[in-house]
Amino acid sequence: MSDTLSLDHYRLLGRSGLRVSPLALGAMTFGTDWGWGADAQEARRIFDTYVDRGGNFIDTANQYTGGTSETLVGRFAEGRRDELVIATKYTITSRPRDPNSGGNHRRSMVRSVEDSLKRLNTDYIDLYQAHRDDTATPIEETLAAFDELIKAGKVRAIGASNFTAARLAKSLKVSAQKGLPRYESLQPWYNLYSRAEFEHELAGLCKRENLGVIPYFSLASGFLTGKYRSEKDYSASPRGYRIKDMMNERGIRILAALDTLGRELKATPAQISLAWLLAKGVTAPLASATSARQLHELLGALEVKLETRAVKLLDDASAGGSIDEPKAPPPRRSS
């Protein structure tokens, strides 16, 4: 963005009534508790840069950087909370020694939401998301607990993350049958490298049900920024174990296509990768940064318009991925 977003740039998130900017700020990098990320001072600069340029959609989770991420978001949002759409997640325990603190059952949700509200320094959460599916808990129990939070004014809308198409469809069916709140968004693992799982069934389901789509790992843990080209590049990175598996013939083909379009459009690989997601019709890709300078680059994706030929070039270069691609576990708090 050369200036700031205008009102017509914002999009509706599913049927929630929430209007969000077309690039969401992922706050997983806020805090250094995992041994990497942005310290409080740099995280503040990232947050202010994003909001000052018109961004309003902030995504975090109860266990990101051991709770530090939520705490920093709450601190930074002070004085402008009502201008923002704050999304957070629960399911993954933030109390490692408590066997009842994880999962999507009512007890976990009630405790987690109170902890998150306290850290976020707010009395409501705009979008509260189940971080993972939980097949051990009845769907109706989870949705009924969400219903209680919505009626209490603590949550405005709910979303799902990492759900399969079958489980998401079943949840939507239960919502309709029982008159319970429905998931208004999905946060899937989706990017130019990892396409197959979302595009296989989830994309069609989200379109039919009018669900907002807010992909995470939009830049494939940094692979799609183009800064990793060899083992030497990724060996020193804390996320290098993820990059390693992408340094294959297909990954190199994707980088070559990004380089080609970069020269034509005078845009970076990261900007083009985010623009590709927007061209695919997602609501707002999640973009995380460890510096304000990096965020400036990512926001430039909103100025990149990919024509049909460019989208096809990227589609062809990234074809061939498997829905069974191994996935790395979420990062854990460093010991």
C-alpha atoms as a PDB file:
ATOM      1  CA  MET A   1       0.000   0.000   0.000  1.00  0.00           C
ATOM      2  CA  SER A   2       1.373   3.381  -0.928  1.00  0.00           C
ATOM      3  CA  ASP A   3      -0.845   5.067   1.650  1.00  0.00           C
ATOM      4  CA  THR A   4      -3.584   3.426   3.704  1.00  0.00           C
ATOM      5  CA  LEU A   5      -6.516   1.170   2.971  1.00  0.00           C
ATOM      6  CA  SER A   6      -9.762   2.835   1.949  1.00  0.00           C
ATOM      7  CA  LEU A   7     -13.111   1.532   3.161  1.00  0.00           C
ATOM      8  CA  ASP A   8     -13.808  -0.390  -0.046  1.00  0.00           C
ATOM      9  CA  HIS A   9     -10.723  -2.557   0.503  1.00  0.00           C
ATOM     10  CA  TYR A  10     -12.202  -4.313   3.538  1.00  0.00           C
ATOM     11  CA  ARG A  11     -14.084  -7.561   3.102  1.00  0.00           C
ATOM     12  CA  LEU A  12     -16.752  -9.363   5.061  1.00  0.00           C
ATOM     13  CA  LEU A  13     -15.579 -12.368   7.040  1.00  0.00           C
ATOM     14  CA  GLY A  14     -18.089 -15.044   6.124  1.00  0.00           C
ATOM     15  CA  ARG A  15     -21.517 -14.159   7.505  1.00  0.00           C
ATOM     16  CA  SER A  16     -20.096 -12.770  10.752  1.00  0.00           C
ATOM     17  CA  GLY A  17     -20.739  -9.126   9.874  1.00  0.00           C
ATOM     18  CA  LEU A  18     -17.090  -8.365  10.648  1.00  0.00           C
ATOM     19  CA  ARG A  19     -15.228  -6.315   8.031  1.00  0.00           C
ATOM     20  CA  VAL A  20     -11.527  -7.094   7.867  1.00  0.00           C
ATOM     21  CA  SER A  21      -8.533  -5.839   5.945  1.00  0.00           C
ATOM     22  CA  PRO A  22      -7.353  -8.104   3.100  1.00  0.00           C
ATOM     23  CA  LEU A  23      -4.107  -8.959   4.870  1.00  0.00           C
ATOM     24  CA  ALA A  24      -4.278 -10.187   8.456  1.00  0.00           C
ATOM     25  CA  LEU A  25      -1.403  -9.613  10.845  1.00  0.00           C
ATOM     26  CA  GLY A  26      -0.228 -12.881  12.382  1.00  0.00           C
ATOM     27  CA  ALA A  27       1.063 -12.221  15.892  1.00  0.00           C
ATOM     28  CA  MET A  28       2.752 -15.599  16.370  1.00  0.00           C
ATOM     29  CA  THR A  29       6.061 -13.732  16.065  1.00  0.00           C
ATOM     30  CA  PHE A  30       5.276 -11.385  18.960  1.00  0.00           C
ATOM     31  CA  GLY A  31       7.675 -12.352  21.730  1.00  0.00           C
ATOM     32  CA  THR A  32      10.915 -14.294  21.874  1.00  0.00           C
ATOM     33  CA  ASP A  33       9.817 -17.067  24.246  1.00  0.00           C
ATOM     34  CA  TRP A  34      10.326 -19.690  21.544  1.00  0.00           C
ATOM     35  CA  GLY A  35      13.855 -18.551  20.836  1.00  0.00           C
ATOM     36  CA  TRP A  36      12.949 -16.464  17.791  1.00  0.00           C
ATOM     37  CA  GLY A  37      10.511 -13.704  16.891  1.00  0.00           C
ATOM     38  CA  ALA A  38      10.264  -9.990  17.633  1.00  0.00           C
ATOM     39  CA  ASP A  39      10.939  -8.526  21.053  1.00  0.00           C
ATOM     40  CA  ALA A  40       8.330  -6.232  22.607  1.00  0.00           C
ATOM     41  CA  GLN A  41       9.816  -3.067  21.127  1.00  0.00           C
ATOM     42  CA  GLU A  42       9.984  -4.406  17.573  1.00  0.00           C
ATOM     43  CA  ALA A  43       6.582  -6.079  17.911  1.00  0.00           C
ATOM     44  CA  ARG A  44       5.174  -2.664  18.816  1.00  0.00           C
ATOM     45  CA  ARG A  45       6.637  -1.166  15.653  1.00  0.00           C
ATOM     46  CA  ILE A  46       5.164  -3.996  13.577  1.00  0.00           C
ATOM     47  CA  PHE A  47       1.732  -3.543  15.149  1.00  0.00           C
ATOM     48  CA  ASP A  48       1.736   0.242  14.753  1.00  0.00           C
ATOM     49  CA  THR A  49       2.917   0.020  11.137  1.00  0.00           C
ATOM     50  CA  TYR A  50       0.097  -2.375  10.303  1.00  0.00           C
ATOM     51  CA  VAL A  51      -2.657  -0.380  12.015  1.00  0.00           C
ATOM     52  CA  ASP A  52      -1.392   3.021  10.844  1.00  0.00           C
ATOM     53  CA  ARG A  53      -1.618   1.797   7.256  1.00  0.00           C
ATOM     54  CA  GLY A  54      -5.208   0.674   7.620  1.00  0.00           C
ATOM     55  CA  GLY A  55      -4.898  -2.902   8.850  1.00  0.00           C
ATOM     56  CA  ASN A  56      -7.489  -3.962  11.412  1.00  0.00           C
ATOM     57  CA  PHE A  57      -7.314  -7.781  11.587  1.00  0.00           C
ATOM     58  CA  ILE A  58      -4.945  -9.240  14.220  1.00  0.00           C
ATOM     59  CA  ASP A  59      -4.638 -13.001  14.760  1.00  0.00           C
ATOM     60  CA  THR A  60      -3.052 -14.693  17.761  1.00  0.00           C
ATOM     61  CA  ALA A  61      -3.584 -17.753  19.999  1.00  0.00           C
ATOM     62  CA  ASN A  62      -3.559 -18.619  23.675  1.00  0.00           C
ATOM     63  CA  GLN A  63      -0.317 -20.580  23.443  1.00  0.00           C
ATOM     64  CA  TYR A  64       1.692 -18.426  21.026  1.00  0.00           C
ATOM     65  CA  THR A  65       5.005 -17.590  22.675  1.00  0.00           C
ATOM     66  CA  GLY A  66       3.634 -18.944  25.931  1.00  0.00           C
ATOM     67  CA  GLY A  67       0.892 -16.296  26.106  1.00  0.00           C
ATOM     68  CA  THR A  68       3.234 -13.379  25.426  1.00  0.00           C
ATOM     69  CA  SER A  69       1.693 -12.809  21.991  1.00  0.00           C
ATOM     70  CA  GLU A  70      -1.776 -12.184  23.420  1.00  0.00           C
ATOM     71  CA  THR A  71      -0.353  -9.987  26.174  1.00  0.00           C
ATOM     72  CA  LEU A  72       1.494  -7.791  23.684  1.00  0.00           C
ATOM     73  CA  VAL A  73      -1.513  -7.536  21.362  1.00  0.00           C
ATOM     74  CA  GLY A  74      -3.627  -6.418  24.318  1.00  0.00           C
ATOM     75  CA  ARG A  75      -1.051  -3.820  25.323  1.00  0.00           C
ATOM     76  CA  PHE A  76      -0.675  -2.446  21.799  1.00  0.00           C
ATOM     77  CA  ALA A  77      -4.440  -2.310  21.185  1.00  0.00           C
ATOM     78  CA  GLU A  78      -5.067  -0.084  24.191  1.00  0.00           C
ATOM     79  CA  GLY A  79      -6.850   3.104  23.167  1.00  0.00           C
ATOM     80  CA  ARG A  80      -7.978   1.752  19.779  1.00  0.00           C
ATOM     81  CA  ARG A  81      -9.544  -1.594  20.645  1.00  0.00           C
ATOM     82  CA  ASP A  82     -12.886  -0.794  18.986  1.00  0.00           C
ATOM     83  CA  GLU A  83     -11.156  -0.121  15.650  1.00  0.00           C
ATOM     84  CA  LEU A  84      -9.691  -3.621  15.534  1.00  0.00           C
ATOM     85  CA  VAL A  85     -10.864  -7.144  14.809  1.00  0.00           C
ATOM     86  CA  ILE A  86      -8.935  -9.337  17.221  1.00  0.00           C
ATOM     87  CA  ALA A  87      -8.930 -13.076  16.599  1.00  0.00           C
ATOM     88  CA  THR A  88      -7.478 -15.651  18.942  1.00  0.00           C
ATOM     89  CA  LYS A  89      -7.588 -19.422  19.302  1.00  0.00           C
ATOM     90  CA  TYR A  90      -7.845 -22.084  21.977  1.00  0.00           C
ATOM     91  CA  THR A  91      -7.637 -25.919  22.028  1.00  0.00           C
ATOM     92  CA  ILE A  92      -3.878 -26.317  22.344  1.00  0.00           C
ATOM     93  CA  THR A  93      -3.183 -26.145  26.037  1.00  0.00           C
ATOM     94  CA  SER A  94      -1.460 -23.156  27.568  1.00  0.00           C
ATOM     95  CA  ARG A  95      -1.172 -25.082  30.862  1.00  0.00           C
ATOM     96  CA  PRO A  96       1.206 -27.966  30.025  1.00  0.00           C
ATOM     97  CA  ARG A  97       0.741 -29.880  33.289  1.00  0.00           C
ATOM     98  CA  ASP A  98      -3.068 -29.684  33.333  1.00  0.00           C
ATOM     99  CA  PRO A  99      -4.674 -32.593  31.431  1.00  0.00           C
ATOM    100  CA  ASN A 100      -8.052 -30.788  31.345  1.00  0.00           C
ATOM    101  CA  SER A 101      -6.821 -27.557  29.776  1.00  0.00           C
ATOM    102  CA  GLY A 102      -6.596 -28.771  26.174  1.00  0.00           C
ATOM    103  CA  GLY A 103      -9.230 -29.890  23.684  1.00  0.00           C
ATOM    104  CA  ASN A 104     -12.526 -28.361  22.588  1.00  0.00           C
ATOM    105  CA  HIS A 105     -14.673 -29.382  25.546  1.00  0.00           C
ATOM    106  CA  ARG A 106     -16.601 -26.791  27.549  1.00  0.00           C
ATOM    107  CA  ARG A 107     -14.263 -26.703  30.551  1.00  0.00           C
ATOM    108  CA  SER A 108     -11.245 -26.028  28.376  1.00  0.00           C
ATOM    109  CA  MET A 109     -13.048 -23.304  26.440  1.00  0.00           C
ATOM    110  CA  VAL A 110     -14.395 -21.481  29.493  1.00  0.00           C
ATOM    111  CA  ARG A 111     -11.005 -21.418  31.184  1.00  0.00           C
ATOM    112  CA  SER A 112      -9.143 -20.535  27.996  1.00  0.00           C
ATOM    113  CA  VAL A 113     -11.393 -17.632  27.059  1.00  0.00           C
ATOM    114  CA  GLU A 114     -11.037 -16.060  30.505  1.00  0.00           C
ATOM    115  CA  ASP A 115      -7.245 -16.377  30.317  1.00  0.00           C
ATOM    116  CA  SER A 116      -7.210 -14.866  26.821  1.00  0.00           C
ATOM    117  CA  LEU A 117      -9.502 -11.976  27.750  1.00  0.00           C
ATOM    118  CA  LYS A 118      -7.205 -11.125  30.650  1.00  0.00           C
ATOM    119  CA  ARG A 119      -4.049 -11.238  28.511  1.00  0.00           C
ATOM    120  CA  LEU A 120      -5.705  -9.295  25.692  1.00  0.00           C
ATOM    121  CA  ASN A 121      -6.927  -6.691  28.174  1.00  0.00           C
ATOM    122  CA  THR A 122     -10.396  -6.685  26.639  1.00  0.00           C
ATOM    123  CA  ASP A 123     -13.894  -7.800  27.532  1.00  0.00           C
ATOM    124  CA  TYR A 124     -14.676  -9.355  24.152  1.00  0.00           C
ATOM    125  CA  ILE A 125     -12.993 -11.321  21.366  1.00  0.00           C
ATOM    126  CA  ASP A 126     -14.134 -10.609  17.808  1.00  0.00           C
ATOM    127  CA  LEU A 127     -13.295 -14.047  16.392  1.00  0.00           C
ATOM    128  CA  TYR A 128     -12.737 -16.998  18.728  1.00  0.00           C
ATOM    129  CA  GLN A 129     -11.395 -20.066  16.937  1.00  0.00           C
ATOM    130  CA  ALA A 130     -10.993 -23.743  17.697  1.00  0.00           C
ATOM    131  CA  HIS A 131      -7.289 -24.186  16.960  1.00  0.00           C
ATOM    132  CA  ARG A 132      -7.689 -27.858  16.083  1.00  0.00           C
ATOM    133  CA  ASP A 133     -10.485 -30.340  15.769  1.00  0.00           C
ATOM    134  CA  ASP A 134     -11.188 -32.537  18.794  1.00  0.00           C
ATOM    135  CA  THR A 135     -12.913 -35.796  17.899  1.00  0.00           C
ATOM    136  CA  ALA A 136     -13.119 -36.823  21.573  1.00  0.00           C
ATOM    137  CA  THR A 137     -15.578 -34.013  22.349  1.00  0.00           C
ATOM    138  CA  PRO A 138     -19.108 -34.047  20.877  1.00  0.00           C
ATOM    139  CA  ILE A 139     -19.556 -31.290  18.301  1.00  0.00           C
ATOM    140  CA  GLU A 140     -22.755 -30.143  19.985  1.00  0.00           C
ATOM    141  CA  GLU A 141     -20.912 -29.625  23.300  1.00  0.00           C
ATOM    142  CA  THR A 142     -18.323 -27.390  21.631  1.00  0.00           C
ATOM    143  CA  LEU A 143     -20.909 -25.337  19.746  1.00  0.00           C
ATOM    144  CA  ALA A 144     -23.144 -24.997  22.814  1.00  0.00           C
ATOM    145  CA  ALA A 145     -20.176 -23.667  24.804  1.00  0.00           C
ATOM    146  CA  PHE A 146     -19.470 -21.155  22.038  1.00  0.00           C
ATOM    147  CA  ASP A 147     -23.146 -20.176  22.208  1.00  0.00           C
ATOM    148  CA  GLU A 148     -22.803 -19.384  25.914  1.00  0.00           C
ATOM    149  CA  LEU A 149     -19.807 -17.132  25.239  1.00  0.00           C
ATOM    150  CA  ILE A 150     -21.607 -15.283  22.454  1.00  0.00           C
ATOM    151  CA  LYS A 151     -24.710 -14.726  24.589  1.00  0.00           C
ATOM    152  CA  ALA A 152     -22.475 -13.482  27.417  1.00  0.00           C
ATOM    153  CA  GLY A 153     -20.944 -10.907  25.064  1.00  0.00           C
ATOM    154  CA  LYS A 154     -17.458 -12.364  25.397  1.00  0.00           C
ATOM    155  CA  VAL A 155     -17.232 -13.552  21.773  1.00  0.00           C
ATOM    156  CA  ARG A 156     -18.707 -12.046  18.601  1.00  0.00           C
ATOM    157  CA  ALA A 157     -18.106 -14.808  16.060  1.00  0.00           C
ATOM    158  CA  ILE A 158     -16.437 -18.217  15.935  1.00  0.00           C
ATOM    159  CA  GLY A 159     -14.067 -19.896  13.517  1.00  0.00           C
ATOM    160  CA  ALA A 160     -12.315 -23.210  12.936  1.00  0.00           C
ATOM    161  CA  SER A 161      -8.682 -23.969  12.220  1.00  0.00           C
ATOM    162  CA  ASN A 162      -7.114 -27.161  10.852  1.00  0.00           C
ATOM    163  CA  PHE A 163     -10.456 -28.938  10.334  1.00  0.00           C
ATOM    164  CA  THR A 164     -10.943 -31.511   7.605  1.00  0.00           C
ATOM    165  CA  ALA A 165     -13.732 -30.904   5.105  1.00  0.00           C
ATOM    166  CA  ALA A 166     -15.768 -33.790   6.548  1.00  0.00           C
ATOM    167  CA  ARG A 167     -15.572 -32.540  10.131  1.00  0.00           C
ATOM    168  CA  LEU A 168     -16.206 -28.922   9.168  1.00  0.00           C
ATOM    169  CA  ALA A 169     -19.258 -29.938   7.124  1.00  0.00           C
ATOM    170  CA  LYS A 170     -20.561 -32.016  10.035  1.00  0.00           C
ATOM    171  CA  SER A 171     -20.107 -29.081  12.414  1.00  0.00           C
ATOM    172  CA  LEU A 172     -22.025 -26.767  10.083  1.00  0.00           C
ATOM    173  CA  LYS A 173     -24.811 -29.339   9.847  1.00  0.00           C
ATOM    174  CA  VAL A 174     -25.075 -29.598  13.646  1.00  0.00           C
ATOM    175  CA  SER A 175     -25.207 -25.790  13.883  1.00  0.00           C
ATOM    176  CA  ALA A 176     -28.126 -25.673  11.447  1.00  0.00           C
ATOM    177  CA  GLN A 177     -30.006 -28.574  13.044  1.00  0.00           C
ATOM    178  CA  LYS A 178     -29.597 -27.435  16.652  1.00  0.00           C
ATOM    179  CA  GLY A 179     -29.843 -23.685  16.145  1.00  0.00           C
ATOM    180  CA  LEU A 180     -26.294 -23.198  17.454  1.00  0.00           C
ATOM    181  CA  PRO A 181     -23.625 -20.718  16.289  1.00  0.00           C
ATOM    182  CA  ARG A 182     -21.788 -21.778  13.184  1.00  0.00           C
ATOM    183  CA  TYR A 183     -18.163 -21.414  12.242  1.00  0.00           C
ATOM    184  CA  GLU A 184     -17.889 -18.289  10.098  1.00  0.00           C
ATOM    185  CA  SER A 185     -14.299 -18.802   9.017  1.00  0.00           C
ATOM    186  CA  LEU A 186     -11.643 -21.413   8.426  1.00  0.00           C
ATOM    187  CA  GLN A 187      -7.945 -20.976   9.076  1.00  0.00           C
ATOM    188  CA  PRO A 188      -6.284 -23.604   6.859  1.00  0.00           C
ATOM    189  CA  TRP A 189      -2.671 -24.410   6.011  1.00  0.00           C
ATOM    190  CA  TYR A 190      -2.600 -22.974   2.481  1.00  0.00           C
ATOM    191  CA  ASN A 191       0.037 -21.357   0.314  1.00  0.00           C
ATOM    192  CA  LEU A 192       1.592 -21.598  -3.127  1.00  0.00           C
ATOM    193  CA  TYR A 193       3.608 -24.654  -2.076  1.00  0.00           C
ATOM    194  CA  SER A 194       0.974 -26.406   0.071  1.00  0.00           C
ATOM    195  CA  ARG A 195      -2.159 -26.313  -2.064  1.00  0.00           C
ATOM    196  CA  ALA A 196      -3.668 -29.758  -2.346  1.00  0.00           C
ATOM    197  CA  GLU A 197      -5.244 -30.226   1.085  1.00  0.00           C
ATOM    198  CA  PHE A 198      -7.254 -26.995   0.973  1.00  0.00           C
ATOM    199  CA  GLU A 199      -8.093 -27.067  -2.722  1.00  0.00           C
ATOM    200  CA  HIS A 200      -9.159 -30.749  -2.695  1.00  0.00           C
ATOM    201  CA  GLU A 201     -12.425 -30.292  -0.723  1.00  0.00           C
ATOM    202  CA  LEU A 202     -12.184 -27.419   1.729  1.00  0.00           C
ATOM    203  CA  ALA A 203     -12.158 -24.622  -0.851  1.00  0.00           C
ATOM    204  CA  GLY A 204     -15.445 -25.741  -2.371  1.00  0.00           C
ATOM    205  CA  LEU A 205     -17.059 -26.191   1.035  1.00  0.00           C
ATOM    206  CA  CYS A 206     -16.006 -22.717   2.179  1.00  0.00           C
ATOM    207  CA  LYS A 207     -17.377 -21.179  -0.998  1.00  0.00           C
ATOM    208  CA  ARG A 208     -20.710 -23.007  -0.772  1.00  0.00           C
ATOM    209  CA  GLU A 209     -21.155 -22.140   2.902  1.00  0.00           C
ATOM    210  CA  ASN A 210     -19.820 -18.581   2.571  1.00  0.00           C
ATOM    211  CA  LEU A 211     -17.047 -19.047   5.116  1.00  0.00           C
ATOM    212  CA  GLY A 212     -14.203 -16.580   5.391  1.00  0.00           C
ATOM    213  CA  VAL A 213     -10.786 -18.086   4.634  1.00  0.00           C
ATOM    214  CA  ILE A 214      -7.704 -16.832   6.491  1.00  0.00           C
ATOM    215  CA  PRO A 215      -4.758 -19.081   5.553  1.00  0.00           C
ATOM    216  CA  TYR A 216      -1.792 -19.461   7.862  1.00  0.00           C
ATOM    217  CA  PHE A 217       1.797 -20.159   6.805  1.00  0.00           C
ATOM    218  CA  SER A 218       0.925 -18.048   3.757  1.00  0.00           C
ATOM    219  CA  LEU A 219       4.627 -17.798   2.895  1.00  0.00           C
ATOM    220  CA  ALA A 220       5.432 -21.432   3.730  1.00  0.00           C
ATOM    221  CA  SER A 221       7.536 -20.599   6.791  1.00  0.00           C
ATOM    222  CA  GLY A 222       9.548 -18.121   4.729  1.00  0.00           C
ATOM    223  CA  PHE A 223      10.283 -20.420   1.789  1.00  0.00           C
ATOM    224  CA  LEU A 224       8.161 -18.283  -0.555  1.00  0.00           C
ATOM    225  CA  THR A 225      10.095 -15.130   0.325  1.00  0.00           C
ATOM    226  CA  GLY A 226      12.865 -16.447  -1.906  1.00  0.00           C
ATOM    227  CA  LYS A 227      15.579 -15.955   0.697  1.00  0.00           C
ATOM    228  CA  TYR A 228      16.226 -19.690   1.003  1.00  0.00           C
ATOM    229  CA  ARG A 229      17.993 -21.103  -2.034  1.00  0.00           C
ATOM    230  CA  SER A 230      20.431 -23.638  -0.591  1.00  0.00           C
ATOM    231  CA  GLU A 231      21.169 -25.702   2.516  1.00  0.00           C
ATOM    232  CA  LYS A 232      23.477 -22.937   3.677  1.00  0.00           C
ATOM    233  CA  ASP A 233      20.569 -20.482   3.641  1.00  0.00           C
ATOM    234  CA  TYR A 234      18.194 -22.543   5.755  1.00  0.00           C
ATOM    235  CA  SER A 235      20.614 -24.421   8.008  1.00  0.00           C
ATOM    236  CA  ALA A 236      20.945 -21.466  10.394  1.00  0.00           C
ATOM    237  CA  SER A 237      17.207 -20.724  10.497  1.00  0.00           C
ATOM    238  CA  PRO A 238      15.070 -21.894  13.449  1.00  0.00           C
ATOM    239  CA  ARG A 239      12.492 -22.941  10.841  1.00  0.00           C
ATOM    240  CA  GLY A 240      15.043 -24.600   8.604  1.00  0.00           C
ATOM    241  CA  TYR A 241      13.643 -28.079   9.241  1.00  0.00           C
ATOM    242  CA  ARG A 242      10.483 -26.968   7.408  1.00  0.00           C
ATOM    243  CA  ILE A 243      12.346 -25.341   4.530  1.00  0.00           C
ATOM    244  CA  LYS A 244      14.493 -28.415   3.916  1.00  0.00           C
ATOM    245  CA  ASP A 245      11.591 -30.530   2.677  1.00  0.00           C
ATOM    246  CA  MET A 246      10.564 -27.831   0.185  1.00  0.00           C
ATOM    247  CA  MET A 247      13.983 -27.594  -1.468  1.00  0.00           C
ATOM    248  CA  ASN A 248      13.040 -30.087  -4.146  1.00  0.00           C
ATOM    249  CA  GLU A 249      12.405 -29.945  -7.888  1.00  0.00           C
ATOM    250  CA  ARG A 250       8.887 -28.596  -7.418  1.00  0.00           C
ATOM    251  CA  GLY A 251       9.978 -26.004  -4.880  1.00  0.00           C
ATOM    252  CA  ILE A 252      12.756 -24.759  -7.136  1.00  0.00           C
ATOM    253  CA  ARG A 253      10.241 -24.538 -10.008  1.00  0.00           C
ATOM    254  CA  ILE A 254       7.984 -22.372  -7.837  1.00  0.00           C
ATOM    255  CA  LEU A 255      10.847 -20.039  -6.923  1.00  0.00           C
ATOM    256  CA  ALA A 256      11.787 -19.704 -10.582  1.00  0.00           C
ATOM    257  CA  ALA A 257       8.219 -18.685 -11.479  1.00  0.00           C
ATOM    258  CA  LEU A 258       8.203 -16.135  -8.656  1.00  0.00           C
ATOM    259  CA  ASP A 259      11.502 -14.737  -9.911  1.00  0.00           C
ATOM    260  CA  THR A 260      10.141 -14.428 -13.446  1.00  0.00           C
ATOM    261  CA  LEU A 261       7.037 -12.558 -12.326  1.00  0.00           C
ATOM    262  CA  GLY A 262       9.073 -10.493  -9.905  1.00  0.00           C
ATOM    263  CA  ARG A 263      11.135  -9.081 -12.735  1.00  0.00           C
ATOM    264  CA  GLU A 264       7.998  -8.335 -14.779  1.00  0.00           C
ATOM    265  CA  LEU A 265       5.983  -6.784 -11.965  1.00  0.00           C
ATOM    266  CA  LYS A 266       8.835  -5.275  -9.957  1.00  0.00           C
ATOM    267  CA  ALA A 267       7.588  -7.141  -6.912  1.00  0.00           C
ATOM    268  CA  THR A 268       9.209  -9.494  -4.423  1.00  0.00           C
ATOM    269  CA  PRO A 269       8.495 -13.242  -4.214  1.00  0.00           C
ATOM    270  CA  ALA A 270       6.674 -12.702  -0.909  1.00  0.00           C
ATOM    271  CA  GLN A 271       4.419 -10.033  -2.403  1.00  0.00           C
ATOM    272  CA  ILE A 272       3.584 -12.190  -5.407  1.00  0.00           C
ATOM    273  CA  SER A 273       2.881 -15.238  -3.207  1.00  0.00           C
ATOM    274  CA  LEU A 274       0.401 -13.263  -1.103  1.00  0.00           C
ATOM    275  CA  ALA A 275      -1.152 -11.728  -4.221  1.00  0.00           C
ATOM    276  CA  TRP A 276      -1.643 -15.259  -5.584  1.00  0.00           C
ATOM    277  CA  LEU A 277      -3.626 -16.215  -2.474  1.00  0.00           C
ATOM    278  CA  LEU A 278      -5.800 -13.130  -2.872  1.00  0.00           C
ATOM    279  CA  ALA A 279      -6.331 -13.994  -6.525  1.00  0.00           C
ATOM    280  CA  LYS A 280      -7.560 -17.411  -5.363  1.00  0.00           C
ATOM    281  CA  GLY A 281     -10.372 -15.717  -3.482  1.00  0.00           C
ATOM    282  CA  VAL A 282      -9.275 -16.108   0.138  1.00  0.00           C
ATOM    283  CA  THR A 283     -10.518 -13.436   2.532  1.00  0.00           C
ATOM    284  CA  ALA A 284      -7.264 -12.418   4.180  1.00  0.00           C
ATOM    285  CA  PRO A 285      -3.960 -14.322   4.201  1.00  0.00           C
ATOM    286  CA  LEU A 286      -2.114 -14.242   7.504  1.00  0.00           C
ATOM    287  CA  ALA A 287       1.247 -12.519   7.250  1.00  0.00           C
ATOM    288  CA  SER A 288       3.725 -12.583  10.117  1.00  0.00           C
ATOM    289  CA  ALA A 289       6.796 -10.382  10.387  1.00  0.00           C
ATOM    290  CA  THR A 290       9.756 -10.108  12.719  1.00  0.00           C
ATOM    291  CA  SER A 291      10.472  -6.471  11.826  1.00  0.00           C
ATOM    292  CA  ALA A 292       8.540  -3.399  10.716  1.00  0.00           C
ATOM    293  CA  ARG A 293      10.675  -3.274   7.586  1.00  0.00           C
ATOM    294  CA  GLN A 294       9.602  -6.799   6.692  1.00  0.00           C
ATOM    295  CA  LEU A 295       5.967  -5.889   7.240  1.00  0.00           C
ATOM    296  CA  HIS A 296       6.268  -2.909   4.882  1.00  0.00           C
ATOM    297  CA  GLU A 297       7.296  -5.350   2.167  1.00  0.00           C
ATOM    298  CA  LEU A 298       4.391  -7.718   2.884  1.00  0.00           C
ATOM    299  CA  LEU A 299       1.834  -4.907   2.800  1.00  0.00           C
ATOM    300  CA  GLY A 300       3.077  -4.141  -0.709  1.00  0.00           C
ATOM    301  CA  ALA A 301       1.335  -7.332  -1.823  1.00  0.00           C
ATOM    302  CA  LEU A 302      -1.927  -5.403  -1.861  1.00  0.00           C
ATOM    303  CA  GLU A 303      -0.610  -3.324  -4.765  1.00  0.00           C
ATOM    304  CA  VAL A 304       0.283  -6.391  -6.854  1.00  0.00           C
ATOM    305  CA  LYS A 305      -2.443  -7.368  -9.306  1.00  0.00           C
ATOM    306  CA  LEU A 306      -1.924 -10.723 -10.985  1.00  0.00           C
ATOM    307  CA  GLU A 307      -3.457 -11.175 -14.419  1.00  0.00           C
ATOM    308  CA  THR A 308      -4.854 -14.525 -15.501  1.00  0.00           C
ATOM    309  CA  ARG A 309      -1.599 -15.434 -17.258  1.00  0.00           C
ATOM    310  CA  ALA A 310       0.431 -14.803 -14.110  1.00  0.00           C
ATOM    311  CA  VAL A 311      -1.907 -16.875 -11.950  1.00  0.00           C
ATOM    312  CA  LYS A 312      -1.682 -19.736 -14.455  1.00  0.00           C
ATOM    313  CA  LEU A 313       2.106 -19.548 -14.479  1.00  0.00           C
ATOM    314  CA  LEU A 314       2.141 -19.968 -10.694  1.00  0.00           C
ATOM    315  CA  ASP A 315      -0.552 -22.659 -10.798  1.00  0.00           C
ATOM    316  CA  ASP A 316       1.439 -24.678 -13.316  1.00  0.00           C
ATOM    317  CA  ALA A 317       4.734 -24.241 -11.453  1.00  0.00           C
ATOM    318  CA  SER A 318       3.202 -25.398  -8.158  1.00  0.00           C
ATOM    319  CA  ALA A 319       1.154 -28.278  -9.555  1.00  0.00           C
ATOM    320  CA  GLY A 320       1.764 -31.765  -8.233  1.00  0.00           C
ATOM    321  CA  GLY A 321       1.621 -31.373  -4.465  1.00  0.00           C
ATOM    322  CA  SER A 322       0.075 -34.151  -2.373  1.00  0.00           C
ATOM    323  CA  ILE A 323      -2.637 -33.862   0.268  1.00  0.00           C
ATOM    324  CA  ASP A 324      -0.496 -36.273   2.268  1.00  0.00           C
ATOM    325  CA  GLU A 325       2.464 -33.913   2.502  1.00  0.00           C
ATOM    326  CA  PRO A 326       3.994 -34.243   5.969  1.00  0.00           C
ATOM    327  CA  LYS A 327       3.344 -31.289   8.221  1.00  0.00           C
ATOM    328  CA  ALA A 328       5.630 -29.939  10.875  1.00  0.00           C
ATOM    329  CA  PRO A 329       4.243 -29.719  14.404  1.00  0.00           C
ATOM    330  CA  PRO A 330       3.478 -26.233  15.707  1.00  0.00           C
ATOM    331  CA  PRO A 331       6.441 -24.526  17.340  1.00  0.00           C
ATOM    332  CA  ARG A 332       6.709 -25.035  21.073  1.00  0.00           C
ATOM    333  CA  ARG A 333       7.876 -22.816  23.827  1.00  0.00           C
ATOM    334  CA  SER A 334      11.618 -23.185  24.210  1.00  0.00           C
ATOM    335  CA  SER A 335      12.878 -24.841  27.360  1.00  0.00           C
END
